[in-house]
Amino acid sequence: MASRTKDVTAGDVVALGLKGRRFDWRSYLFQGALLLSLLISLSFLVVLLMEVIQGGLSVFTDRGTDFLEKGLSSLPQTAGVWQGLVGSFYIAIFVIVIAFPLGVAAAVYLEEYAADTRMNRFINVNIRNLAGVPAVVYGILAVTIFVKVLRPVTGGPTLMSGGLIMAVLVLPIVIITAAEALRAVPASIREAGFGVGATRWEVVRSHVLPSAAPGILTGTVLSLSRALGETAPLLLVGAITGFLSYGGDTGPFSLLKERFTTLPTVVYDWAREPSQGFRSLTSAAIIVLLGVTLTANACAILLRNRFERKW
């Protein structure tokens, strides 16, 4: 019996398995259900996009770039999204300046320097939990800290408070995506750097980060896209959902402690208006928001491809 068992090769086992294989209808049924769900979701998305485009194209046809250059107004004939574009631009600057460097630095420390201790595992778990916290919870945090406690610094419900809370909101996402990109770098690259006598920082700076740059860029721009599309935290910290005057001094730094609005806030406000004119403006503002988001994603793709070719 033992000799017969030894004569059975791996090929015989595979052949026996293939001969005894039956039609697994459950797997095909599950795959079909998944494909059907995907097609249904895409069909809803296509219908919504077509409806938005049809409703907003008339605004661009009639007004042209005037819709992008005008500020908020109670009259649909003169209302525009310029102030929303400015507010979203400042929010993006806060995210880029605060969340991106801190997130990448934290990911580098956790992946390249931190030891596998209980405390570091606890930190990793909490970072992943924070990435799934609803945005409105961050808005409550902003009201408590940035609007009330740090009022002498932020000025209360101002653009600075909104930018800070959006940077805090996307920070866990930046850390997670950057850490995954660093973890995907082969260990042989690190070993090659250590083998020629490089320090850990030299290996990280010259080998690991350039190799992980495409993944880091993709993750950071996706987090930026989320920040540009959030509304609830900004409403809680004082984003305007009505007429917003330009004020006297409109310098770039004086705006940080002024009331503000953003593109998602403008869409939210116009969508509540009963007038048919504002419905068309809502669709046009959504098209502008989609254009800004797609532009950011396109920049990320171009930078990622450039880093990949260079590496």
Protein backbone atom coordinates (compact mmCIF):
# COMPACT_ATOMS: atom_id res chain seq x y z
CA MET A 1 0.00 0.00 0.00
CA ALA A 2 2.86 2.32 0.83
CA SER A 3 4.57 1.65 -2.50
CA ARG A 4 1.36 2.38 -4.43
CA THR A 5 0.98 5.65 -2.55
CA LYS A 6 4.53 6.69 -3.45
CA ASP A 7 3.89 6.01 -7.18
CA VAL A 8 1.08 8.60 -7.30
CA THR A 9 2.53 11.82 -8.72
CA ALA A 10 1.29 15.40 -8.56
CA GLY A 11 0.10 15.13 -12.17
CA ASP A 12 -2.05 12.15 -11.28
CA VAL A 13 -3.64 14.10 -8.45
CA VAL A 14 -4.42 17.02 -10.76
CA ALA A 15 -5.85 14.67 -13.41
CA LEU A 16 -8.07 12.99 -10.86
CA GLY A 17 -9.25 16.38 -9.63
CA LEU A 18 -10.08 17.54 -13.15
CA LYS A 19 -12.00 14.38 -13.92
CA GLY A 20 -14.07 14.65 -10.77
CA ARG A 21 -14.80 18.36 -11.20
CA ARG A 22 -18.46 19.29 -11.49
CA PHE A 23 -20.16 22.38 -12.80
CA ASP A 24 -20.11 24.85 -9.91
CA TRP A 25 -23.35 26.68 -10.66
CA ARG A 26 -23.20 28.60 -7.37
CA SER A 27 -19.98 30.39 -8.37
CA TYR A 28 -21.35 31.30 -11.79
CA LEU A 29 -24.59 32.51 -10.22
CA PHE A 30 -22.69 34.68 -7.76
CA GLN A 31 -20.50 36.12 -10.52
CA GLY A 32 -23.58 36.86 -12.59
CA ALA A 33 -25.22 38.64 -9.64
CA LEU A 34 -22.11 40.77 -9.11
CA LEU A 35 -21.95 41.67 -12.80
CA LEU A 36 -25.65 42.55 -12.82
CA SER A 37 -25.20 44.78 -9.75
CA LEU A 38 -22.29 46.54 -11.46
CA LEU A 39 -24.29 47.14 -14.63
CA ILE A 40 -27.28 48.48 -12.67
CA SER A 41 -25.04 50.86 -10.70
CA LEU A 42 -23.35 52.09 -13.87
CA SER A 43 -26.70 52.58 -15.59
CA PHE A 44 -27.94 54.78 -12.73
CA LEU A 45 -24.68 56.75 -12.87
CA VAL A 46 -24.96 57.26 -16.63
CA VAL A 47 -28.60 58.39 -16.33
CA LEU A 48 -27.71 60.89 -13.59
CA LEU A 49 -24.76 62.26 -15.56
CA MET A 50 -26.88 62.66 -18.68
CA GLU A 51 -29.58 64.47 -16.73
CA VAL A 52 -27.03 66.80 -15.11
CA ILE A 53 -25.30 67.54 -18.41
CA GLN A 54 -28.58 68.22 -20.21
CA GLY A 55 -29.73 70.53 -17.43
CA GLY A 56 -26.46 72.45 -17.13
CA LEU A 57 -25.36 72.87 -20.74
CA SER A 58 -28.00 75.53 -21.32
CA VAL A 59 -26.37 77.72 -18.66
CA PHE A 60 -22.97 77.55 -20.35
CA THR A 61 -24.55 78.07 -23.77
CA ASP A 62 -26.44 81.19 -22.68
CA ARG A 63 -23.90 82.75 -20.32
CA GLY A 64 -20.54 81.27 -21.29
CA THR A 65 -17.72 82.01 -18.85
CA ASP A 66 -19.86 84.61 -17.10
CA PHE A 67 -21.23 81.79 -14.93
CA LEU A 68 -17.71 81.08 -13.68
CA GLU A 69 -16.82 84.72 -13.06
CA LYS A 70 -19.91 85.92 -11.16
CA GLY A 71 -20.45 85.62 -7.42
CA LEU A 72 -23.46 84.42 -5.47
CA SER A 73 -26.76 86.20 -6.00
CA SER A 74 -30.43 85.82 -5.22
CA LEU A 75 -31.20 86.15 -8.94
CA PRO A 76 -30.50 83.09 -11.10
CA GLN A 77 -29.72 85.31 -14.09
CA THR A 78 -26.68 86.83 -12.34
CA ALA A 79 -25.60 84.08 -9.92
CA GLY A 80 -22.27 82.37 -10.47
CA VAL A 81 -19.82 79.99 -8.82
CA TRP A 82 -16.72 82.18 -8.59
CA GLN A 83 -16.82 82.45 -4.79
CA GLY A 84 -17.37 78.71 -4.52
CA LEU A 85 -14.33 78.10 -6.73
CA VAL A 86 -12.22 80.38 -4.56
CA GLY A 87 -13.36 78.66 -1.37
CA SER A 88 -12.70 75.19 -2.79
CA PHE A 89 -9.26 76.36 -3.97
CA TYR A 90 -8.34 77.48 -0.45
CA ILE A 91 -9.63 74.22 1.02
CA ALA A 92 -7.43 72.33 -1.45
CA ILE A 93 -4.41 74.44 -0.42
CA PHE A 94 -4.99 73.59 3.25
CA VAL A 95 -5.20 69.89 2.42
CA ILE A 96 -2.06 69.96 0.27
CA VAL A 97 0.01 71.98 2.73
CA ILE A 98 -1.09 70.24 5.96
CA ALA A 99 -2.48 66.78 5.25
CA PHE A 100 -0.11 65.61 2.53
CA PRO A 101 3.25 66.24 4.28
CA LEU A 102 2.01 65.05 7.68
CA GLY A 103 0.31 61.98 6.19
CA VAL A 104 3.32 60.87 4.13
CA ALA A 105 5.70 61.54 7.04
CA ALA A 106 3.53 59.51 9.40
CA ALA A 107 3.35 56.66 6.89
CA VAL A 108 7.14 56.67 6.47
CA TYR A 109 7.62 56.50 10.23
CA LEU A 110 5.08 53.73 10.74
CA GLU A 111 6.40 51.59 7.86
CA GLU A 112 10.15 52.26 7.93
CA TYR A 113 11.09 53.26 11.47
CA ALA A 114 8.45 52.16 13.99
CA ALA A 115 8.92 48.77 15.64
CA ASP A 116 6.14 46.18 15.71
CA THR A 117 4.98 46.96 19.22
CA ARG A 118 1.56 46.87 20.82
CA MET A 119 1.38 50.65 20.88
CA ASN A 120 2.17 50.99 17.17
CA ARG A 121 -0.40 48.34 16.29
CA PHE A 122 -2.93 50.26 18.38
CA ILE A 123 -2.07 53.45 16.46
CA ASN A 124 -2.50 51.69 13.11
CA VAL A 125 -5.89 50.32 14.10
CA ASN A 126 -7.09 53.75 15.22
CA ILE A 127 -5.89 55.40 12.01
CA ARG A 128 -7.93 52.92 9.98
CA ASN A 129 -10.92 53.51 12.23
CA LEU A 130 -10.65 57.27 11.78
CA ALA A 131 -10.71 56.83 8.00
CA GLY A 132 -14.21 55.37 8.32
CA VAL A 133 -15.66 57.99 10.65
CA PRO A 134 -18.58 59.92 9.06
CA ALA A 135 -17.76 63.42 7.89
CA VAL A 136 -20.38 65.03 10.12
CA VAL A 137 -18.47 63.79 13.19
CA TYR A 138 -15.44 65.74 11.99
CA GLY A 139 -17.73 68.74 11.65
CA ILE A 140 -18.73 68.44 15.31
CA LEU A 141 -15.04 68.18 16.21
CA ALA A 142 -14.36 71.34 14.20
CA VAL A 143 -17.09 73.26 16.01
CA THR A 144 -15.66 72.21 19.38
CA ILE A 145 -11.97 72.81 18.69
CA PHE A 146 -11.42 75.15 15.74
CA VAL A 147 -14.49 77.35 16.14
CA LYS A 148 -14.69 77.61 19.94
CA VAL A 149 -11.40 76.65 21.58
CA LEU A 150 -9.09 78.09 18.91
CA ARG A 151 -11.27 81.10 18.08
CA PRO A 152 -8.44 83.61 18.78
CA VAL A 153 -6.36 81.86 16.09
CA THR A 154 -8.95 80.83 13.52
CA GLY A 155 -11.44 83.65 14.01
CA GLY A 156 -14.34 81.28 14.65
CA PRO A 157 -16.47 80.00 11.73
CA THR A 158 -14.05 81.09 9.01
CA LEU A 159 -12.22 79.72 6.01
CA MET A 160 -9.28 78.74 8.21
CA SER A 161 -11.50 76.53 10.36
CA GLY A 162 -12.94 74.87 7.27
CA GLY A 163 -9.52 74.24 5.76
CA LEU A 164 -8.13 72.79 8.98
CA ILE A 165 -10.99 70.37 9.50
CA MET A 166 -10.83 69.15 5.90
CA ALA A 167 -7.10 68.53 6.33
CA VAL A 168 -7.84 66.54 9.49
CA LEU A 169 -10.62 64.63 7.72
CA VAL A 170 -8.42 63.33 4.88
CA LEU A 171 -5.27 62.83 6.98
CA PRO A 172 -6.06 59.18 7.91
CA ILE A 173 -6.76 58.38 4.25
CA VAL A 174 -3.42 59.88 3.21
CA ILE A 175 -1.60 57.88 5.89
CA ILE A 176 -3.26 54.60 4.87
CA THR A 177 -2.70 55.00 1.13
CA ALA A 178 0.92 56.14 1.59
CA ALA A 179 1.61 53.25 3.97
CA GLU A 180 0.19 50.74 1.48
CA ALA A 181 2.34 52.21 -1.29
CA LEU A 182 5.45 51.97 0.90
CA ARG A 183 4.58 48.41 1.90
CA ALA A 184 4.35 47.43 -1.77
CA VAL A 185 7.99 48.38 -2.41
CA PRO A 186 10.04 45.16 -2.70
CA ALA A 187 12.35 44.41 0.21
CA SER A 188 15.20 43.80 -2.24
CA ILE A 189 15.35 47.56 -2.97
CA ARG A 190 15.95 48.30 0.69
CA GLU A 191 18.47 45.49 1.01
CA ALA A 192 20.40 46.79 -2.01
CA GLY A 193 20.63 50.22 -0.44
CA PHE A 194 21.79 48.86 2.90
CA GLY A 195 24.25 46.61 1.09
CA VAL A 196 26.18 49.56 -0.35
CA GLY A 197 26.39 51.26 3.06
CA ALA A 198 23.48 53.73 2.84
CA THR A 199 21.75 54.87 5.99
CA ARG A 200 18.08 54.17 6.58
CA TRP A 201 17.10 57.73 5.68
CA GLU A 202 19.15 57.59 2.46
CA VAL A 203 17.45 54.34 1.50
CA VAL A 204 14.02 55.80 2.21
CA ARG A 205 14.72 59.08 0.43
CA SER A 206 16.53 57.78 -2.64
CA HIS A 207 15.00 54.33 -3.15
CA VAL A 208 11.77 53.67 -1.26
CA LEU A 209 9.96 56.99 -1.75
CA PRO A 210 10.68 57.26 -5.51
CA SER A 211 9.44 53.70 -5.98
CA ALA A 212 6.30 54.36 -3.91
CA ALA A 213 5.65 57.83 -5.41
CA PRO A 214 3.03 56.69 -7.99
CA GLY A 215 0.92 54.99 -5.34
CA ILE A 216 1.33 57.88 -2.91
CA LEU A 217 0.28 60.40 -5.55
CA THR A 218 -2.78 58.38 -6.46
CA GLY A 219 -3.88 58.10 -2.84
CA THR A 220 -3.28 61.75 -2.01
CA VAL A 221 -5.20 63.05 -5.00
CA LEU A 222 -8.11 60.72 -4.24
CA SER A 223 -8.17 62.15 -0.72
CA LEU A 224 -8.06 65.66 -2.20
CA SER A 225 -11.05 64.78 -4.38
CA ARG A 226 -12.95 63.71 -1.29
CA ALA A 227 -12.10 66.97 0.47
CA LEU A 228 -13.36 68.98 -2.52
CA GLY A 229 -16.67 67.10 -2.46
CA GLU A 230 -17.48 67.25 1.26
CA THR A 231 -20.25 69.51 2.51
CA ALA A 232 -21.37 68.54 6.03
CA PRO A 233 -18.23 69.56 8.00
CA LEU A 234 -18.07 72.90 6.18
CA LEU A 235 -21.71 73.68 6.92
CA LEU A 236 -21.04 73.12 10.61
CA VAL A 237 -18.04 75.47 10.65
CA GLY A 238 -19.91 78.30 8.95
CA ALA A 239 -19.90 77.82 5.17
CA ILE A 240 -22.37 80.28 3.67
CA THR A 241 -25.53 78.89 2.06
CA GLY A 242 -26.79 82.20 0.78
CA PHE A 243 -25.52 85.55 -0.45
CA LEU A 244 -21.83 86.12 0.30
CA SER A 245 -20.50 89.64 -0.11
CA TYR A 246 -16.94 90.19 -1.23
CA GLY A 247 -16.12 92.50 1.64
CA GLY A 248 -13.64 95.35 1.66
CA ASP A 249 -10.21 93.72 1.70
CA THR A 250 -10.07 90.65 -0.53
CA GLY A 251 -6.38 89.88 -0.12
CA PRO A 252 -5.34 86.23 -0.13
CA PHE A 253 -4.46 86.12 3.57
CA SER A 254 -7.30 88.32 4.80
CA LEU A 255 -9.78 85.80 3.40
CA LEU A 256 -8.55 83.15 5.83
CA LYS A 257 -10.52 84.73 8.66
CA GLU A 258 -13.61 85.60 6.64
CA ARG A 259 -16.84 83.75 5.95
CA PHE A 260 -16.65 81.48 2.93
CA THR A 261 -18.45 79.06 0.68
CA THR A 262 -17.40 76.15 -1.53
CA LEU A 263 -18.68 74.44 -4.66
CA PRO A 264 -20.48 71.60 -2.80
CA THR A 265 -22.08 74.17 -0.50
CA VAL A 266 -23.28 76.17 -3.49
CA VAL A 267 -24.76 73.01 -5.04
CA TYR A 268 -26.50 72.20 -1.74
CA ASP A 269 -27.97 75.68 -1.47
CA TRP A 270 -29.17 75.96 -5.07
CA ALA A 271 -30.69 72.47 -5.00
CA ARG A 272 -33.11 73.66 -2.29
CA GLU A 273 -34.38 76.59 -4.37
CA PRO A 274 -37.80 76.04 -5.98
CA SER A 275 -37.03 78.22 -9.00
CA GLN A 276 -36.44 76.44 -12.32
CA GLY A 277 -33.54 78.80 -13.01
CA PHE A 278 -31.69 77.60 -9.94
CA ARG A 279 -32.24 73.99 -10.98
CA SER A 280 -30.29 74.65 -14.15
CA LEU A 281 -27.63 76.47 -12.12
CA THR A 282 -27.40 73.45 -9.81
CA SER A 283 -26.66 71.16 -12.75
CA ALA A 284 -24.11 73.63 -14.11
CA ALA A 285 -22.39 73.86 -10.72
CA ILE A 286 -22.23 70.05 -10.54
CA ILE A 287 -20.55 70.02 -13.95
CA VAL A 288 -17.98 72.54 -12.69
CA LEU A 289 -17.35 70.42 -9.59
CA LEU A 290 -16.92 67.31 -11.74
CA GLY A 291 -14.51 69.23 -13.94
CA VAL A 292 -12.40 70.31 -10.96
CA THR A 293 -12.32 66.76 -9.58
CA LEU A 294 -11.44 65.20 -12.94
CA THR A 295 -8.71 67.80 -13.44
CA ALA A 296 -7.15 66.88 -10.11
CA ASN A 297 -7.33 63.18 -10.98
CA ALA A 298 -5.79 63.84 -14.41
CA CYS A 299 -2.89 65.69 -12.79
CA ALA A 300 -2.36 62.72 -10.49
CA ILE A 301 -2.30 60.31 -13.44
CA LEU A 302 0.22 62.46 -15.32
CA LEU A 303 2.51 62.78 -12.29
CA ARG A 304 2.24 59.06 -11.57
CA ASN A 305 3.18 58.13 -15.12
CA ARG A 306 6.08 60.56 -15.03
CA PHE A 307 7.43 59.07 -11.81
CA GLU A 308 7.01 55.55 -13.17
CA ARG A 309 8.98 56.37 -16.32
CA LYS A 310 11.67 58.17 -14.35
CA TRP A 311 12.00 55.30 -11.88
